[in-house]
Amino acid sequence: MMRIRTAYAILAGLSLLLACSSGQKKPSGDVIPRDTMVALLADIYVSEALLSNYHARYDSLDIYRREYLDAVFAKYGVSRARFDSSYHYYEQDLEELLKIQDEVIIELSRRE
């Protein structure tokens, strides 16, 4: 149950971070398919959860966070820019984004 709460907190934080990072309306390049986006987000949240339990200085955590994200993006063959533009694309339809986030929670629960 604690992991699900952590996932919700990470999900909310990432949503806010990405929502505030750009006013971009349309994706630059191809949109990541919904099922891939769900799996990718689940992996991002798992890496964030792992880092939340890691005891290191903040600057070290930032380096590890970038390395983890780079590894997740490489796993799915997407760039950070493509992820960001795809996420912003899905943000344009809040109902769709919430469905994606629900699927991410289901995926994370399945992995437990």
C-alpha atoms as a PDB file:
ATOM      1  CA  MET A   1       0.000   0.000   0.000  1.00  0.00           C
ATOM      2  CA  MET A   2       2.899   2.341   0.785  1.00  0.00           C
ATOM      3  CA  ARG A   3       4.329   1.786  -2.696  1.00  0.00           C
ATOM      4  CA  ILE A   4       1.046   2.741  -4.302  1.00  0.00           C
ATOM      5  CA  ARG A   5       0.947   5.965  -2.274  1.00  0.00           C
ATOM      6  CA  THR A   6       4.542   6.668  -3.276  1.00  0.00           C
ATOM      7  CA  ALA A   7       3.615   6.034  -6.901  1.00  0.00           C
ATOM      8  CA  TYR A   8       0.688   8.464  -6.639  1.00  0.00           C
ATOM      9  CA  ALA A   9       2.956  11.099  -5.121  1.00  0.00           C
ATOM     10  CA  ILE A  10       5.566  10.626  -7.821  1.00  0.00           C
ATOM     11  CA  LEU A  11       2.867  10.683 -10.492  1.00  0.00           C
ATOM     12  CA  ALA A  12       1.472  13.951  -9.188  1.00  0.00           C
ATOM     13  CA  GLY A  13       4.925  15.490  -8.930  1.00  0.00           C
ATOM     14  CA  LEU A  14       5.942  14.463 -12.408  1.00  0.00           C
ATOM     15  CA  SER A  15       2.646  15.737 -13.813  1.00  0.00           C
ATOM     16  CA  LEU A  16       3.185  19.119 -12.199  1.00  0.00           C
ATOM     17  CA  LEU A  17       6.804  19.276 -13.272  1.00  0.00           C
ATOM     18  CA  LEU A  18       6.026  18.481 -16.869  1.00  0.00           C
ATOM     19  CA  ALA A  19       2.956  20.721 -16.947  1.00  0.00           C
ATOM     20  CA  CYS A  20       5.008  23.698 -15.837  1.00  0.00           C
ATOM     21  CA  SER A  21       8.047  23.008 -17.995  1.00  0.00           C
ATOM     22  CA  SER A  22       6.621  24.058 -21.355  1.00  0.00           C
ATOM     23  CA  GLY A  23       3.628  25.629 -23.013  1.00  0.00           C
ATOM     24  CA  GLN A  24       4.021  23.398 -26.065  1.00  0.00           C
ATOM     25  CA  LYS A  25       0.695  22.356 -27.603  1.00  0.00           C
ATOM     26  CA  LYS A  26       1.744  19.800 -30.220  1.00  0.00           C
ATOM     27  CA  PRO A  27       4.401  17.119 -30.011  1.00  0.00           C
ATOM     28  CA  SER A  28       7.599  17.556 -31.978  1.00  0.00           C
ATOM     29  CA  GLY A  29       7.875  14.203 -33.738  1.00  0.00           C
ATOM     30  CA  ASP A  30       5.900  11.036 -33.215  1.00  0.00           C
ATOM     31  CA  VAL A  31       3.755  10.570 -30.149  1.00  0.00           C
ATOM     32  CA  ILE A  32       4.743   7.586 -28.023  1.00  0.00           C
ATOM     33  CA  PRO A  33       1.922   5.013 -28.232  1.00  0.00           C
ATOM     34  CA  ARG A  34      -0.294   4.825 -25.164  1.00  0.00           C
ATOM     35  CA  ASP A  35       0.715   1.289 -24.127  1.00  0.00           C
ATOM     36  CA  THR A  36       4.405   2.174 -24.431  1.00  0.00           C
ATOM     37  CA  MET A  37       3.827   5.369 -22.471  1.00  0.00           C
ATOM     38  CA  VAL A  38       2.186   3.375 -19.666  1.00  0.00           C
ATOM     39  CA  ALA A  39       5.129   0.973 -19.444  1.00  0.00           C
ATOM     40  CA  LEU A  40       7.661   3.799 -19.715  1.00  0.00           C
ATOM     41  CA  LEU A  41       5.981   5.821 -16.957  1.00  0.00           C
ATOM     42  CA  ALA A  42       5.797   2.742 -14.740  1.00  0.00           C
ATOM     43  CA  ASP A  43       9.548   2.236 -15.156  1.00  0.00           C
ATOM     44  CA  ILE A  44      10.190   5.909 -14.400  1.00  0.00           C
ATOM     45  CA  TYR A  45       8.143   5.693 -11.204  1.00  0.00           C
ATOM     46  CA  VAL A  46       9.955   2.520 -10.138  1.00  0.00           C
ATOM     47  CA  SER A  47      13.314   4.229 -10.644  1.00  0.00           C
ATOM     48  CA  GLU A  48      12.097   7.264  -8.673  1.00  0.00           C
ATOM     49  CA  ALA A  49      10.923   4.979  -5.862  1.00  0.00           C
ATOM     50  CA  LEU A  50      14.319   3.271  -5.794  1.00  0.00           C
ATOM     51  CA  LEU A  51      16.051   6.624  -5.597  1.00  0.00           C
ATOM     52  CA  SER A  52      13.765   7.779  -2.787  1.00  0.00           C
ATOM     53  CA  ASN A  53      15.211   4.987  -0.640  1.00  0.00           C
ATOM     54  CA  TYR A  54      18.808   5.778  -1.608  1.00  0.00           C
ATOM     55  CA  HIS A  55      20.797   7.738   0.960  1.00  0.00           C
ATOM     56  CA  ALA A  56      23.126  10.098  -0.834  1.00  0.00           C
ATOM     57  CA  ARG A  57      23.746  13.805  -1.199  1.00  0.00           C
ATOM     58  CA  TYR A  58      21.212  15.697  -3.293  1.00  0.00           C
ATOM     59  CA  ASP A  59      23.682  16.407  -6.121  1.00  0.00           C
ATOM     60  CA  SER A  60      24.549  12.705  -6.295  1.00  0.00           C
ATOM     61  CA  LEU A  61      20.868  11.777  -6.414  1.00  0.00           C
ATOM     62  CA  ASP A  62      20.398  14.178  -9.306  1.00  0.00           C
ATOM     63  CA  ILE A  63      23.175  12.429 -11.231  1.00  0.00           C
ATOM     64  CA  TYR A  64      21.682   9.007 -10.479  1.00  0.00           C
ATOM     65  CA  ARG A  65      18.211  10.260 -11.449  1.00  0.00           C
ATOM     66  CA  ARG A  66      19.497  11.391 -14.848  1.00  0.00           C
ATOM     67  CA  GLU A  67      21.287   8.076 -15.356  1.00  0.00           C
ATOM     68  CA  TYR A  68      18.161   6.090 -14.426  1.00  0.00           C
ATOM     69  CA  LEU A  69      15.998   8.195 -16.754  1.00  0.00           C
ATOM     70  CA  ASP A  70      18.517   7.834 -19.576  1.00  0.00           C
ATOM     71  CA  ALA A  71      18.445   4.048 -19.072  1.00  0.00           C
ATOM     72  CA  VAL A  72      14.629   3.967 -19.133  1.00  0.00           C
ATOM     73  CA  PHE A  73      14.483   6.110 -22.272  1.00  0.00           C
ATOM     74  CA  ALA A  74      17.118   3.905 -23.934  1.00  0.00           C
ATOM     75  CA  LYS A  75      15.117   0.783 -23.014  1.00  0.00           C
ATOM     76  CA  TYR A  76      12.152   2.128 -24.994  1.00  0.00           C
ATOM     77  CA  GLY A  77      14.224   3.773 -27.721  1.00  0.00           C
ATOM     78  CA  VAL A  78      12.921   7.278 -27.057  1.00  0.00           C
ATOM     79  CA  SER A  79      14.628  10.575 -26.374  1.00  0.00           C
ATOM     80  CA  ARG A  80      13.836  12.899 -23.495  1.00  0.00           C
ATOM     81  CA  ALA A  81      12.463  15.399 -26.026  1.00  0.00           C
ATOM     82  CA  ARG A  82      10.127  12.798 -27.549  1.00  0.00           C
ATOM     83  CA  PHE A  83       8.946  11.752 -24.089  1.00  0.00           C
ATOM     84  CA  ASP A  84       8.301  15.369 -23.079  1.00  0.00           C
ATOM     85  CA  SER A  85       6.417  16.212 -26.282  1.00  0.00           C
ATOM     86  CA  SER A  86       4.389  12.996 -26.047  1.00  0.00           C
ATOM     87  CA  TYR A  87       3.526  13.670 -22.409  1.00  0.00           C
ATOM     88  CA  HIS A  88       2.432  17.190 -23.321  1.00  0.00           C
ATOM     89  CA  TYR A  89       0.323  15.755 -26.125  1.00  0.00           C
ATOM     90  CA  TYR A  90      -1.473  13.457 -23.673  1.00  0.00           C
ATOM     91  CA  GLU A  91      -1.841  16.364 -21.221  1.00  0.00           C
ATOM     92  CA  GLN A  92      -4.035  18.185 -23.715  1.00  0.00           C
ATOM     93  CA  ASP A  93      -6.785  15.685 -22.888  1.00  0.00           C
ATOM     94  CA  LEU A  94      -6.854  15.474 -19.097  1.00  0.00           C
ATOM     95  CA  GLU A  95      -9.303  12.573 -19.122  1.00  0.00           C
ATOM     96  CA  GLU A  96      -6.961  10.568 -21.369  1.00  0.00           C
ATOM     97  CA  LEU A  97      -3.984  11.408 -19.169  1.00  0.00           C
ATOM     98  CA  LEU A  98      -5.843  10.274 -16.072  1.00  0.00           C
ATOM     99  CA  LYS A  99      -6.686   6.978 -17.787  1.00  0.00           C
ATOM    100  CA  ILE A 100      -3.015   6.516 -18.626  1.00  0.00           C
ATOM    101  CA  GLN A 101      -2.055   7.235 -15.023  1.00  0.00           C
ATOM    102  CA  ASP A 102      -4.661   4.725 -13.811  1.00  0.00           C
ATOM    103  CA  GLU A 103      -3.113   2.124 -16.110  1.00  0.00           C
ATOM    104  CA  VAL A 104       0.324   2.970 -14.710  1.00  0.00           C
ATOM    105  CA  ILE A 105      -0.955   2.323 -11.159  1.00  0.00           C
ATOM    106  CA  ILE A 106      -2.432  -0.987 -12.284  1.00  0.00           C
ATOM    107  CA  GLU A 107       0.883  -1.900 -13.916  1.00  0.00           C
ATOM    108  CA  LEU A 108       2.832  -0.973 -10.783  1.00  0.00           C
ATOM    109  CA  SER A 109       0.447  -3.016  -8.626  1.00  0.00           C
ATOM    110  CA  ARG A 110       0.859  -5.963 -10.970  1.00  0.00           C
ATOM    111  CA  ARG A 111       4.644  -5.754 -10.633  1.00  0.00           C
ATOM    112  CA  GLU A 112       4.551  -5.859  -6.810  1.00  0.00           C
END
